[in-house]
N, C-alpha and C. Protein backbone atom coordinates (compact mmCIF):
# COMPACT_ATOMS: atom_id res chain seq x y z
N MET A 1 -16.25 9.20 -10.96
CA MET A 1 -15.66 10.13 -11.86
C MET A 1 -14.63 10.99 -11.00
N ILE A 2 -13.38 10.31 -11.58
CA ILE A 2 -11.95 10.63 -11.32
C ILE A 2 -11.22 12.01 -11.81
N MET A 3 -11.04 13.03 -11.01
CA MET A 3 -10.63 13.99 -11.85
C MET A 3 -9.16 14.60 -11.20
N SER A 4 -7.90 14.56 -11.95
CA SER A 4 -6.97 15.36 -11.30
C SER A 4 -6.53 16.46 -12.37
N THR A 5 -5.87 17.20 -11.60
CA THR A 5 -5.06 18.26 -12.22
C THR A 5 -3.52 18.06 -12.25
N ILE A 6 -3.07 18.28 -12.84
CA ILE A 6 -1.52 18.13 -13.66
C ILE A 6 -0.61 19.42 -14.24
N LEU A 7 -0.27 19.74 -13.37
CA LEU A 7 1.12 20.68 -13.91
C LEU A 7 2.36 20.23 -14.23
N GLY A 8 2.60 20.80 -15.55
CA GLY A 8 3.94 20.71 -15.75
C GLY A 8 4.86 21.40 -15.98
N PHE A 9 5.99 21.14 -15.91
CA PHE A 9 7.08 22.55 -16.22
C PHE A 9 8.19 21.82 -17.38
N ASP A 10 8.51 22.76 -18.04
CA ASP A 10 9.70 22.77 -19.06
C ASP A 10 10.74 23.93 -18.46
N VAL A 11 11.87 23.32 -17.71
CA VAL A 11 12.53 24.39 -16.87
C VAL A 11 13.88 25.24 -17.83
N SER A 12 14.34 26.40 -18.03
CA SER A 12 15.58 26.81 -17.92
C SER A 12 15.74 28.00 -17.47
N SER A 13 16.95 28.22 -17.46
CA SER A 13 17.39 29.70 -16.88
C SER A 13 16.66 30.99 -17.69
N THR A 14 16.18 30.70 -18.60
CA THR A 14 15.97 32.18 -19.37
C THR A 14 14.43 32.07 -19.98
N CYS A 15 13.96 30.91 -19.71
CA CYS A 15 12.20 30.78 -20.10
C CYS A 15 11.89 29.50 -19.50
N ILE A 16 10.64 29.83 -18.33
CA ILE A 16 9.83 28.90 -17.89
C ILE A 16 8.67 27.99 -18.34
N GLY A 17 8.54 27.00 -19.67
CA GLY A 17 7.01 26.72 -19.83
C GLY A 17 6.17 26.17 -18.92
N TYR A 18 4.80 26.11 -18.82
CA TYR A 18 4.26 25.86 -17.88
C TYR A 18 2.82 25.24 -18.11
N CYS A 19 2.26 24.49 -17.87
CA CYS A 19 0.89 23.36 -18.46
C CYS A 19 0.23 23.25 -17.62
N VAL A 20 -1.34 23.29 -17.60
CA VAL A 20 -2.20 22.62 -16.85
C VAL A 20 -3.01 21.73 -17.24
N LEU A 21 -3.23 20.40 -17.45
CA LEU A 21 -3.99 19.49 -18.11
C LEU A 21 -4.80 18.79 -16.71
N GLU A 22 -6.15 18.07 -17.22
CA GLU A 22 -7.02 18.18 -16.41
C GLU A 22 -7.08 16.21 -17.19
N LEU A 23 -7.24 15.44 -16.12
CA LEU A 23 -7.42 14.00 -16.45
C LEU A 23 -8.51 13.69 -15.87
N LYS A 24 -9.69 13.36 -16.60
CA LYS A 24 -11.10 12.95 -16.25
C LYS A 24 -11.99 12.17 -16.49
N ASP A 25 -11.96 10.61 -16.01
CA ASP A 25 -12.61 9.57 -16.41
C ASP A 25 -11.77 9.16 -17.51
N SER A 26 -10.41 9.64 -17.34
CA SER A 26 -9.50 8.45 -18.34
C SER A 26 -9.48 9.42 -19.95
N LYS A 27 -9.95 10.76 -19.72
CA LYS A 27 -9.69 11.93 -20.74
C LYS A 27 -8.72 12.71 -20.37
N ILE A 28 -7.94 12.95 -21.28
CA ILE A 28 -6.69 14.41 -20.95
C ILE A 28 -7.73 15.51 -21.76
N ASN A 29 -7.46 16.64 -20.50
CA ASN A 29 -8.15 18.01 -21.34
C ASN A 29 -7.05 18.96 -20.70
N PHE A 30 -6.27 19.55 -22.00
CA PHE A 30 -5.97 20.76 -22.19
C PHE A 30 -6.66 21.94 -21.51
N ILE A 31 -5.71 22.51 -20.53
CA ILE A 31 -6.36 23.76 -19.80
C ILE A 31 -5.88 24.68 -20.31
N SER A 32 -4.47 25.19 -19.77
CA SER A 32 -3.57 26.06 -20.48
C SER A 32 -2.17 26.02 -20.11
N CYS A 33 -1.92 27.18 -21.11
CA CYS A 33 -0.56 26.71 -20.78
C CYS A 33 0.28 28.19 -21.11
N ASP A 34 1.45 28.44 -20.09
CA ASP A 34 2.34 29.95 -20.34
C ASP A 34 3.61 29.60 -20.02
N TYR A 35 4.16 30.92 -19.84
CA TYR A 35 5.48 30.64 -19.58
C TYR A 35 6.05 32.06 -18.55
N ILE A 36 6.61 32.09 -18.05
CA ILE A 36 7.48 33.04 -17.43
C ILE A 36 8.87 33.11 -17.77
N LYS A 37 9.21 34.35 -17.81
CA LYS A 37 10.94 34.42 -18.17
C LYS A 37 11.81 35.02 -16.65
N PRO A 38 12.69 33.93 -15.95
CA PRO A 38 13.06 34.22 -14.77
C PRO A 38 13.87 35.93 -15.23
N ILE A 39 14.21 36.65 -14.11
CA ILE A 39 15.21 37.93 -14.19
C ILE A 39 16.24 37.69 -14.63
N LYS A 40 16.72 38.48 -15.24
CA LYS A 40 17.86 38.51 -15.80
C LYS A 40 19.10 39.35 -14.63
N ASP A 41 18.75 40.21 -13.95
CA ASP A 41 19.39 41.03 -13.20
C ASP A 41 19.93 40.42 -11.96
N GLY A 42 20.88 40.30 -11.09
CA GLY A 42 21.31 40.22 -9.72
C GLY A 42 22.15 39.04 -10.08
N ASN A 43 22.37 38.63 -8.90
CA ASN A 43 23.27 37.23 -8.98
C ASN A 43 22.34 35.70 -9.13
N LEU A 44 22.82 34.79 -9.01
CA LEU A 44 21.88 33.79 -9.25
C LEU A 44 20.84 33.20 -8.09
N ILE A 45 21.40 33.84 -7.08
CA ILE A 45 20.63 33.89 -5.89
C ILE A 45 19.01 34.52 -5.83
N ASN A 46 19.59 35.72 -6.62
CA ASN A 46 18.59 36.37 -6.31
C ASN A 46 17.20 36.43 -7.62
N ARG A 47 18.44 35.87 -8.53
CA ARG A 47 17.20 35.08 -9.88
C ARG A 47 16.29 34.11 -9.34
N LEU A 48 17.08 32.86 -8.76
CA LEU A 48 16.49 31.68 -8.02
C LEU A 48 15.14 32.15 -7.38
N ALA A 49 15.43 33.24 -6.31
CA ALA A 49 14.53 33.86 -5.53
C ALA A 49 13.63 34.46 -6.29
N ASP A 50 13.29 35.52 -6.69
CA ASP A 50 12.30 35.95 -7.85
C ASP A 50 12.01 34.56 -8.12
N THR A 51 12.64 34.05 -9.01
CA THR A 51 11.26 32.89 -9.84
C THR A 51 11.19 32.10 -8.85
N ARG A 52 11.54 31.50 -7.62
CA ARG A 52 11.21 30.94 -6.69
C ARG A 52 9.39 31.22 -6.52
N ASP A 53 9.34 32.56 -6.14
CA ASP A 53 8.37 33.40 -5.54
C ASP A 53 7.13 32.88 -6.52
N LYS A 54 7.80 33.24 -7.89
CA LYS A 54 6.70 33.12 -9.24
C LYS A 54 6.39 31.71 -9.18
N ILE A 55 6.88 30.71 -9.44
CA ILE A 55 6.57 29.51 -9.67
C ILE A 55 5.40 29.13 -8.07
N LYS A 56 5.64 29.27 -6.83
CA LYS A 56 4.73 29.18 -5.73
C LYS A 56 3.66 30.23 -6.13
N ASN A 57 3.39 31.08 -7.01
CA ASN A 57 2.25 31.51 -7.28
C ASN A 57 1.59 30.44 -8.11
N ILE A 58 2.21 30.47 -9.22
CA ILE A 58 1.91 29.07 -10.13
C ILE A 58 1.33 27.98 -9.29
N ILE A 59 1.79 27.39 -8.83
CA ILE A 59 1.38 26.33 -8.23
C ILE A 59 0.10 26.47 -6.85
N ASN A 60 0.07 27.47 -6.16
CA ASN A 60 -0.93 27.74 -5.29
C ASN A 60 -1.83 28.57 -6.46
N ASP A 61 -1.90 29.03 -7.47
CA ASP A 61 -3.24 29.33 -7.95
C ASP A 61 -4.03 28.04 -8.76
N VAL A 62 -2.93 27.06 -9.57
CA VAL A 62 -3.42 25.91 -10.19
C VAL A 62 -4.06 24.80 -9.24
N LYS A 63 -3.09 24.83 -7.87
CA LYS A 63 -3.55 23.46 -7.12
C LYS A 63 -3.74 22.33 -7.60
N PRO A 64 -2.25 22.35 -8.33
CA PRO A 64 -2.31 20.44 -8.69
C PRO A 64 -2.38 19.48 -7.93
N ASP A 65 -2.86 18.19 -8.39
CA ASP A 65 -2.74 17.27 -7.54
C ASP A 65 -1.47 16.36 -8.05
N PHE A 66 -1.20 16.84 -9.26
CA PHE A 66 0.16 15.85 -9.70
C PHE A 66 1.42 17.41 -10.35
N ILE A 67 2.51 16.83 -10.17
CA ILE A 67 3.14 17.67 -10.80
C ILE A 67 4.23 17.00 -11.50
N ALA A 68 4.68 17.58 -12.94
CA ALA A 68 5.87 17.19 -13.59
C ALA A 68 6.62 17.91 -13.94
N ILE A 69 8.11 17.57 -13.81
CA ILE A 69 9.05 18.19 -14.74
C ILE A 69 10.01 17.91 -15.54
N GLU A 70 10.44 18.08 -16.63
CA GLU A 70 10.94 17.79 -17.59
C GLU A 70 12.59 17.72 -16.83
N ASP A 71 13.09 16.89 -16.67
CA ASP A 71 14.20 16.25 -15.92
C ASP A 71 15.71 17.02 -16.56
N ILE A 72 16.80 17.01 -15.67
CA ILE A 72 17.60 17.84 -16.67
C ILE A 72 18.92 16.90 -17.54
N ILE A 73 19.58 17.39 -18.36
CA ILE A 73 20.47 16.66 -19.02
C ILE A 73 21.48 17.00 -18.32
N SER A 74 22.35 15.79 -17.73
CA SER A 74 23.51 16.26 -17.10
C SER A 74 24.88 16.38 -18.42
N PHE A 75 24.64 15.59 -19.52
CA PHE A 75 25.88 16.01 -20.41
C PHE A 75 24.90 16.04 -21.88
N MET A 76 25.75 16.90 -22.99
CA MET A 76 25.30 16.90 -24.03
C MET A 76 26.25 16.86 -25.10
N ALA A 77 27.31 16.13 -25.55
CA ALA A 77 28.12 16.25 -26.28
C ALA A 77 28.08 17.22 -27.45
N GLY A 78 29.04 18.20 -27.14
CA GLY A 78 29.05 19.29 -28.11
C GLY A 78 27.91 20.41 -28.09
N GLY A 79 27.20 20.34 -26.52
CA GLY A 79 26.28 21.05 -25.92
C GLY A 79 26.94 22.09 -25.38
N SER A 80 25.77 22.22 -24.07
CA SER A 80 25.72 23.47 -23.17
C SER A 80 27.22 23.46 -22.33
N THR A 81 27.64 24.33 -21.85
CA THR A 81 29.07 24.56 -21.01
C THR A 81 28.31 24.04 -19.56
N ALA A 82 29.59 23.81 -18.63
CA ALA A 82 29.47 23.39 -17.39
C ALA A 82 28.55 24.38 -16.54
N LYS A 83 28.94 25.99 -17.00
CA LYS A 83 27.98 27.14 -16.16
C LYS A 83 26.58 26.68 -16.49
N THR A 84 26.64 26.95 -17.70
CA THR A 84 24.95 26.49 -18.35
C THR A 84 24.34 25.64 -17.51
N ILE A 85 24.96 24.26 -17.72
CA ILE A 85 24.07 23.41 -16.89
C ILE A 85 24.16 23.81 -15.35
N ILE A 86 24.98 24.30 -14.75
CA ILE A 86 25.01 24.17 -13.17
C ILE A 86 23.62 25.13 -13.18
N THR A 87 23.68 26.30 -13.91
CA THR A 87 22.64 27.25 -13.68
C THR A 87 21.17 26.53 -14.19
N LEU A 88 21.67 26.04 -15.01
CA LEU A 88 19.81 25.33 -15.62
C LEU A 88 19.28 23.87 -14.31
N THR A 89 20.47 23.37 -13.71
CA THR A 89 20.27 22.69 -12.67
C THR A 89 19.67 23.13 -11.24
N SER A 90 20.48 24.43 -11.35
CA SER A 90 19.97 25.50 -10.12
C SER A 90 18.49 25.53 -10.33
N PHE A 91 18.05 26.07 -11.16
CA PHE A 91 16.64 26.47 -11.53
C PHE A 91 15.56 25.43 -11.67
N ASN A 92 16.13 24.40 -12.24
CA ASN A 92 15.32 22.74 -12.23
C ASN A 92 14.85 22.23 -10.41
N ARG A 93 16.04 22.71 -9.83
CA ARG A 93 16.02 21.82 -8.26
C ARG A 93 15.25 22.93 -7.61
N MET A 94 15.31 23.73 -8.16
CA MET A 94 14.45 24.83 -6.81
C MET A 94 12.97 24.89 -7.10
N ILE A 95 12.83 24.56 -8.58
CA ILE A 95 11.26 23.99 -8.69
C ILE A 95 10.64 22.70 -8.18
N CYS A 96 11.63 21.83 -8.27
CA CYS A 96 11.35 20.68 -8.01
C CYS A 96 11.00 20.79 -6.21
N LEU A 97 11.88 21.79 -5.45
CA LEU A 97 11.81 21.83 -4.23
C LEU A 97 10.12 22.52 -4.06
N CYS A 98 9.90 23.67 -4.57
CA CYS A 98 8.54 24.36 -5.15
C CYS A 98 7.52 22.81 -4.71
N ALA A 99 7.60 22.57 -5.77
CA ALA A 99 6.77 21.12 -5.87
C ALA A 99 6.91 20.25 -4.66
N TYR A 100 7.54 19.95 -4.15
CA TYR A 100 7.83 19.13 -3.18
C TYR A 100 7.13 19.89 -1.87
N ASP A 101 7.22 20.83 -1.91
CA ASP A 101 7.07 21.87 -0.63
C ASP A 101 5.03 21.70 -0.96
N TYR A 102 4.81 21.66 -1.75
CA TYR A 102 3.41 21.69 -1.96
C TYR A 102 2.97 20.53 -2.15
N LEU A 103 3.58 19.37 -2.77
CA LEU A 103 2.70 18.40 -2.51
C LEU A 103 3.25 17.29 -1.29
N GLY A 104 4.30 18.00 -0.96
CA GLY A 104 4.40 16.91 0.45
C GLY A 104 5.47 15.79 0.11
N LYS A 105 5.84 15.67 -1.19
CA LYS A 105 6.41 14.22 -2.11
C LYS A 105 7.00 14.89 -3.24
N SER A 106 8.17 14.06 -3.75
CA SER A 106 8.55 14.83 -5.19
C SER A 106 8.12 14.46 -6.24
N PRO A 107 8.11 15.54 -6.89
CA PRO A 107 7.42 15.80 -8.33
C PRO A 107 7.93 14.88 -9.20
N GLU A 108 6.99 14.03 -10.52
CA GLU A 108 7.49 13.37 -11.14
C GLU A 108 8.34 14.03 -12.48
N LEU A 109 9.79 13.91 -12.25
CA LEU A 109 10.87 13.69 -13.34
C LEU A 109 10.79 12.93 -14.03
N LEU A 110 10.77 13.56 -15.20
CA LEU A 110 10.98 12.86 -16.81
C LEU A 110 11.80 13.30 -17.44
N SER A 111 12.44 12.19 -18.23
CA SER A 111 13.79 12.66 -18.96
C SER A 111 12.98 12.97 -20.37
N ILE A 112 13.81 14.16 -21.20
CA ILE A 112 13.39 14.28 -22.58
C ILE A 112 13.12 13.10 -23.26
N MET A 113 13.70 11.74 -23.52
CA MET A 113 13.59 11.16 -23.97
C MET A 113 12.34 10.08 -23.97
N THR A 114 11.76 9.83 -22.82
CA THR A 114 10.65 9.05 -21.87
C THR A 114 9.58 10.06 -22.40
N ILE A 115 9.58 11.44 -22.27
CA ILE A 115 8.48 12.45 -23.24
C ILE A 115 8.39 12.25 -24.73
N ARG A 116 9.32 12.34 -25.31
CA ARG A 116 9.23 12.40 -26.53
C ARG A 116 8.65 10.81 -27.19
N SER A 117 9.17 9.68 -26.27
CA SER A 117 8.71 8.47 -26.54
C SER A 117 7.56 8.08 -26.72
N ASN A 118 6.85 8.97 -25.67
CA ASN A 118 5.61 8.99 -25.47
C ASN A 118 4.55 9.85 -26.39
N ILE A 119 5.18 10.80 -26.99
CA ILE A 119 4.34 11.46 -28.26
C ILE A 119 4.50 10.43 -29.46
N LYS A 120 5.74 9.75 -29.72
CA LYS A 120 5.98 8.80 -30.82
C LYS A 120 5.15 7.50 -30.83
N LYS A 121 4.74 7.13 -29.46
CA LYS A 121 4.14 6.12 -29.36
C LYS A 121 2.81 6.19 -29.74
N GLU A 122 2.41 7.48 -29.01
CA GLU A 122 1.03 8.03 -29.17
C GLU A 122 0.67 8.13 -30.52
N LEU A 123 1.15 8.86 -31.41
CA LEU A 123 1.21 9.08 -32.77
C LEU A 123 1.07 7.97 -33.61
N LYS A 124 2.21 7.25 -33.01
CA LYS A 124 2.27 5.81 -34.41
C LYS A 124 3.40 6.37 -35.17
N LEU A 125 4.46 7.20 -34.58
CA LEU A 125 5.31 7.69 -35.53
C LEU A 125 6.48 6.54 -35.58
N GLN A 126 7.41 6.99 -36.61
CA GLN A 126 8.60 5.81 -36.59
C GLN A 126 9.98 6.78 -35.83
N LYS A 127 9.92 7.94 -35.71
CA LYS A 127 11.28 7.95 -35.00
C LYS A 127 10.53 9.32 -33.77
N ASN A 128 11.22 9.73 -32.73
CA ASN A 128 10.72 10.20 -31.76
C ASN A 128 10.83 11.93 -32.44
N PRO A 129 9.87 12.56 -31.92
CA PRO A 129 9.65 13.98 -32.77
C PRO A 129 10.85 14.99 -32.57
N LYS A 130 10.71 15.97 -33.19
CA LYS A 130 11.78 17.01 -32.74
C LYS A 130 11.60 18.32 -31.87
N LYS A 131 12.08 18.85 -31.24
CA LYS A 131 11.43 19.95 -30.60
C LYS A 131 10.36 20.73 -31.09
N GLU A 132 10.52 21.10 -32.64
CA GLU A 132 9.97 22.21 -33.24
C GLU A 132 8.99 21.45 -33.99
N ASP A 133 8.65 19.87 -33.51
CA ASP A 133 7.62 19.48 -34.41
C ASP A 133 6.53 18.91 -33.11
N ILE A 134 6.96 19.50 -31.85
CA ILE A 134 6.09 19.05 -30.70
C ILE A 134 4.55 19.88 -30.76
N PRO A 135 4.68 20.78 -31.07
CA PRO A 135 3.33 21.72 -31.03
C PRO A 135 2.24 20.93 -31.83
N GLU A 136 2.52 20.64 -33.10
CA GLU A 136 1.83 20.16 -34.16
C GLU A 136 1.45 18.85 -33.39
N ALA A 137 2.33 18.18 -32.92
CA ALA A 137 2.03 16.55 -32.27
C ALA A 137 1.31 16.73 -31.37
N LEU A 138 1.35 17.84 -30.25
CA LEU A 138 0.48 17.87 -29.18
C LEU A 138 -1.25 18.36 -29.77
N GLU A 139 -1.10 19.00 -30.79
CA GLU A 139 -2.48 19.76 -31.60
C GLU A 139 -3.27 18.41 -31.83
N LYS A 140 -2.34 17.45 -32.54
CA LYS A 140 -2.91 15.84 -33.00
C LYS A 140 -3.44 15.19 -31.33
N ILE A 141 -2.78 15.15 -30.77
CA ILE A 141 -3.11 14.25 -29.65
C ILE A 141 -4.01 14.94 -28.88
N LEU A 142 -3.97 15.89 -28.71
CA LEU A 142 -5.10 17.00 -27.41
C LEU A 142 -5.97 17.51 -28.46
N LYS A 143 -6.21 17.60 -29.47
CA LYS A 143 -7.28 17.79 -30.31
C LYS A 143 -7.47 19.25 -30.11
N ILE A 144 -6.30 20.17 -29.83
CA ILE A 144 -6.56 21.26 -29.90
C ILE A 144 -5.63 22.02 -30.95
N ASN A 145 -5.83 23.76 -30.71
CA ASN A 145 -5.16 24.57 -31.73
C ASN A 145 -4.26 25.63 -30.22
N PHE A 146 -2.87 24.72 -30.70
CA PHE A 146 -1.75 25.62 -30.21
C PHE A 146 -1.42 26.80 -30.02
N PRO A 147 -1.67 27.33 -28.54
CA PRO A 147 -1.91 28.80 -28.96
C PRO A 147 -0.46 29.39 -29.28
N TRP A 148 -0.18 29.67 -30.59
CA TRP A 148 0.92 30.43 -30.63
C TRP A 148 1.34 31.84 -30.69
N GLU A 149 2.42 32.11 -30.27
CA GLU A 149 2.57 33.56 -29.88
C GLU A 149 3.51 33.92 -31.21
N LEU A 150 3.30 34.79 -31.76
CA LEU A 150 4.32 35.44 -32.78
C LEU A 150 5.12 36.57 -32.61
N ASN A 151 6.13 37.15 -33.50
CA ASN A 151 7.15 38.11 -32.78
C ASN A 151 6.61 39.25 -34.04
N LYS A 152 7.31 40.47 -33.67
CA LYS A 152 6.85 41.28 -34.35
C LYS A 152 7.14 41.21 -36.23
N LYS A 153 7.86 40.24 -36.30
CA LYS A 153 7.84 39.88 -38.02
C LYS A 153 6.51 39.02 -38.29
N GLY A 154 6.14 38.36 -37.10
CA GLY A 154 5.32 37.50 -37.87
C GLY A 154 5.56 35.89 -37.44
N ASP A 155 6.76 35.88 -37.01
CA ASP A 155 7.19 34.48 -36.84
C ASP A 155 6.90 33.90 -35.49
N PRO A 156 6.86 32.61 -35.22
CA PRO A 156 6.67 31.97 -33.90
C PRO A 156 7.89 32.55 -32.88
N LYS A 157 7.44 32.97 -31.91
CA LYS A 157 8.67 33.29 -30.90
C LYS A 157 9.05 31.77 -30.15
N LYS A 158 10.35 32.02 -29.73
CA LYS A 158 10.69 30.58 -29.22
C LYS A 158 10.40 30.58 -28.06
N GLU A 159 9.55 31.14 -27.48
CA GLU A 159 8.64 30.67 -26.57
C GLU A 159 7.85 29.92 -26.67
N ASN A 160 7.41 29.39 -27.72
CA ASN A 160 6.22 28.54 -27.88
C ASN A 160 6.86 27.00 -27.74
N TYR A 161 8.25 26.83 -27.73
CA TYR A 161 8.40 25.54 -27.77
C TYR A 161 8.80 25.07 -26.18
N ASP A 162 8.90 26.16 -25.19
CA ASP A 162 8.88 25.93 -23.64
C ASP A 162 7.66 25.47 -23.26
N MET A 163 6.70 26.27 -24.06
CA MET A 163 5.25 25.91 -23.46
C MET A 163 4.89 24.42 -24.22
N SER A 164 5.32 24.36 -25.27
CA SER A 164 4.91 22.88 -25.91
C SER A 164 5.65 21.84 -25.18
N ASP A 165 6.37 22.37 -24.96
CA ASP A 165 7.60 21.03 -24.20
C ASP A 165 7.17 21.01 -22.73
N SER A 166 6.00 21.71 -21.62
CA SER A 166 5.31 21.79 -20.90
C SER A 166 4.19 21.08 -21.14
N ILE A 167 3.58 21.43 -22.05
CA ILE A 167 2.46 20.18 -22.04
C ILE A 167 2.60 18.75 -22.51
N ALA A 168 3.96 18.72 -22.87
CA ALA A 168 4.41 17.40 -23.78
C ALA A 168 4.84 16.79 -21.88
N VAL A 169 5.55 17.37 -21.36
CA VAL A 169 5.93 16.99 -20.12
C VAL A 169 4.33 16.56 -19.13
N ALA A 170 3.51 17.71 -18.84
CA ALA A 170 2.30 17.06 -18.56
C ALA A 170 1.56 15.81 -19.10
N TYR A 171 1.67 16.05 -20.39
CA TYR A 171 1.09 14.50 -21.09
C TYR A 171 1.43 13.78 -20.87
N CYS A 172 2.77 13.56 -20.95
CA CYS A 172 3.54 12.20 -20.70
C CYS A 172 2.99 11.85 -19.16
N LEU A 173 3.26 12.22 -17.80
CA LEU A 173 2.33 12.27 -16.85
C LEU A 173 0.77 11.80 -16.76
N ALA A 174 0.33 12.62 -17.56
CA ALA A 174 -1.48 12.19 -17.59
C ALA A 174 -1.60 10.80 -17.80
N ASN A 175 -0.91 10.78 -19.33
CA ASN A 175 -0.79 9.33 -20.13
C ASN A 175 -0.52 8.17 -18.97
N LYS A 176 0.72 8.53 -18.25
CA LYS A 176 1.21 7.48 -17.37
C LYS A 176 -0.16 7.17 -16.45
N LEU A 177 -0.42 8.27 -15.67
CA LEU A 177 -1.57 8.07 -14.76
C LEU A 177 -2.83 7.51 -15.26
N LYS A 178 -3.38 7.69 -16.38
CA LYS A 178 -4.51 7.06 -16.99
C LYS A 178 -3.89 5.54 -17.45
N ASN A 179 -2.71 5.10 -17.83
CA ASN A 179 -2.63 3.89 -17.99
C ASN A 179 -2.59 3.33 -16.97
N LYS A 180 -2.25 3.74 -15.56
CA LYS A 180 -1.91 3.10 -14.62
C LYS A 180 -3.53 2.97 -13.77
N ALA A 181 -4.35 3.91 -13.88
CA ALA A 181 -5.85 3.73 -13.80
C ALA A 181 -6.63 2.60 -14.12
N SER A 182 -5.93 2.30 -15.43
CA SER A 182 -7.08 1.36 -16.48
C SER A 182 -6.75 -0.21 -16.23
N LYS A 183 -5.39 -0.21 -15.70
CA LYS A 183 -4.70 -1.95 -15.19
C LYS A 183 -5.47 -2.01 -13.98
């Protein structure tokens, strides 16, 4: 009976989704997901240090065998500004270093295209799912009820998509490990 715990992160400078999956005997089980909100006050170093401490606590609580992180996109036409990309990169790589400190090796960095292609293939879709389609896709794949959080108006909070992306990140790595083990 082989069992591995996988911790997945979807990183931004405003919300960091994280998920715990278990890979046991070639079956991928959803354990939990949540998010943290980096502080907004202070300079970038203060924000990074505060977030680093929160991430270290998550990693030490979960005690994962593997950590996967959605990799940064260095350029998106018509998208984020250089300042936003620099801030995002700082948070992303700081979490990578926390993972490295815990694992003693680099975490698995997965591109958004790899993650969404994995879901597309698993569900036999014609094209990669959009961000807003990920929660429902994961419900089908993992046979779970996605833990939707609603705002005061009863609409889904935007943080749901950070959590679903973290599940997708962890699932992509779990699926990769499962396929590797079966060969």
